[in-house]
Amino acid sequence: MGDAGTKSRHELRCPSLLRKPSLGKSHHDIVSQKRPHKPVTLDTMSENQHTTPASEKGPASAQGAAQAPALPAHPTDTQRPLLTDEQLAHLSANHPLRADTTADSPMLRALTGRPSSHRPVWFMRQAGRSLPEYRQVREGIPMLDACLTPDLAAEITVQPVRRHKVDAGIFFSDIVIPMKLAGVNVDIVPGKGPVLDQPVRTLDEVRDLPELKDSDLDPIREAVAATVEMLGDTPLIGFAGAPFTVAAYMVEGGPSRDHLRPRTMMHADPAAWHELAAWAARTAGQFLRAQIEAGASAVQLFDSWAGSLGESDYRRYVQAHSATALDMVREYGVPRIHFGTGTTALLPAMHEAGADVIGVDYRLPLSAANTLLNGAVPLQGNIDPALLAAGSENLYAHVDEVLAEGNAAPSHVVNLGHGVPPTTDPQVLTDLVAYIHEKTAN
């Protein structure tokens, strides 16, 4: 495990070792700005095109930071204060955003379109099987048990922050946890994924689903609170599965390649579909709220399967339910990220659902995503996970291109365009984070 591994136990007992230096400007300075916060809509953004897309400037150097072109500053006319006083009032007194702990971090600044000391980076599935320390603490413990054991979930969440020095933790859980807590009989089968004892395919079956109670979420609050304490001034990103992906699992009864059953159900029995998606939206919103209340500084809604839909079906059968989940946390004011795979045609609709930041998968250049979103939405992404095993020369040339592509957006959070593959060498990620931090330092 190298140096990171030898330090892990000591660092876990001393969260201050994870902390990064303050960027200077206080949280109270941020919330006291008089600039009004207006919801970003596609109707009001058409004039907000910014710098020339990187794709028109020529490719970045394949030789690394020393020979790559300098990165210009991001546009500034879409920046907004992090939180209003009214939104702050909804957070507990010791929440990291009220306690001036994470508000001025590079991650929170980028998520709200503000300049930061470097381009922040985190990785989807950064806590997982690519880490030997994860495999060690998970040995013999089923996935759902690990998610619902607060001290273990907290330790797993912090592991990649400790090792890689990423700019945020992503809460270790699973998209089926809310349904599990509600009382739905679901398990994660090794090598297969989530499997339900009984698929949900009729209106009567939908109406028989148990509702998630607030007290059911106590293990989540406990895990998040422990994680936040360990992370110090590194922000925690909470997450939930988006209504379509969760509902699709429930209709299929498990993983699927084409998601045919839920797509058929939308048209054949729209009443059942909408009630099921509404149930999934409520549970997702409750799950996100619990994480924010316990200390998460931002949230991400994952719609892993949304790419199976055309835009028309997404708008007709899905968008309103994603909007419900996102709207359930609007009052807290934390940045809301929306990510799906294969969603090029859906990005404007996903943003319209209420996201503050759009995650882009590896298939679409960030400059193209920026154009689709009229140059007014912070972007996250989108390193191709395949390049992590393609050798450093190929990887860093690709990363240079991703960084250049992200320049035209109001701000850019670096991430993969999908999750970290389990076979990834952890040192590749550690070195990649250091490279991005150094290359993008102001």
Foldseek 3Di string as FASTA:
>chain_A
DPPLVVCQVVLLVPLVVLDDDFPPDFLVNLQPDPDDDDQDALVPQQVQFFDDFLVVVDAFDLPALVRGDAFDAEDQPQAHRQDYPQLQVVADCPFCSNVRQACRFCVNCQLRLHDHQFFAADAFVLQDLLDPVNCVLCVPPFQQRQLLQQVSQLSSQCSSCSQQVGQETERRHDQCNLQVLQPFAWGQDPPFGIAGPAAQQDLVSLVPRGAHDLVSCVSVLSNLLSNCVSNTSRAYAYEHEQLVQVNLCRNVRGDDDQSVRLVVCCPPPVVSLQSSSLRSLVSLLSNRVSNVNSHHQEYEYEHAPPLSDDQVCCVVRGLQSSLSSQVSCVSNSHAYEYEYPNCQRCLSSNVVSPHQEYEAEAPDQLLSSCVVSSQNHEYEDAQALVVLPVDDSSRSSSVSRNSSSRRRHSGYHYYHNDGHPSNGNSVSSSVVSVSSRVSGRD
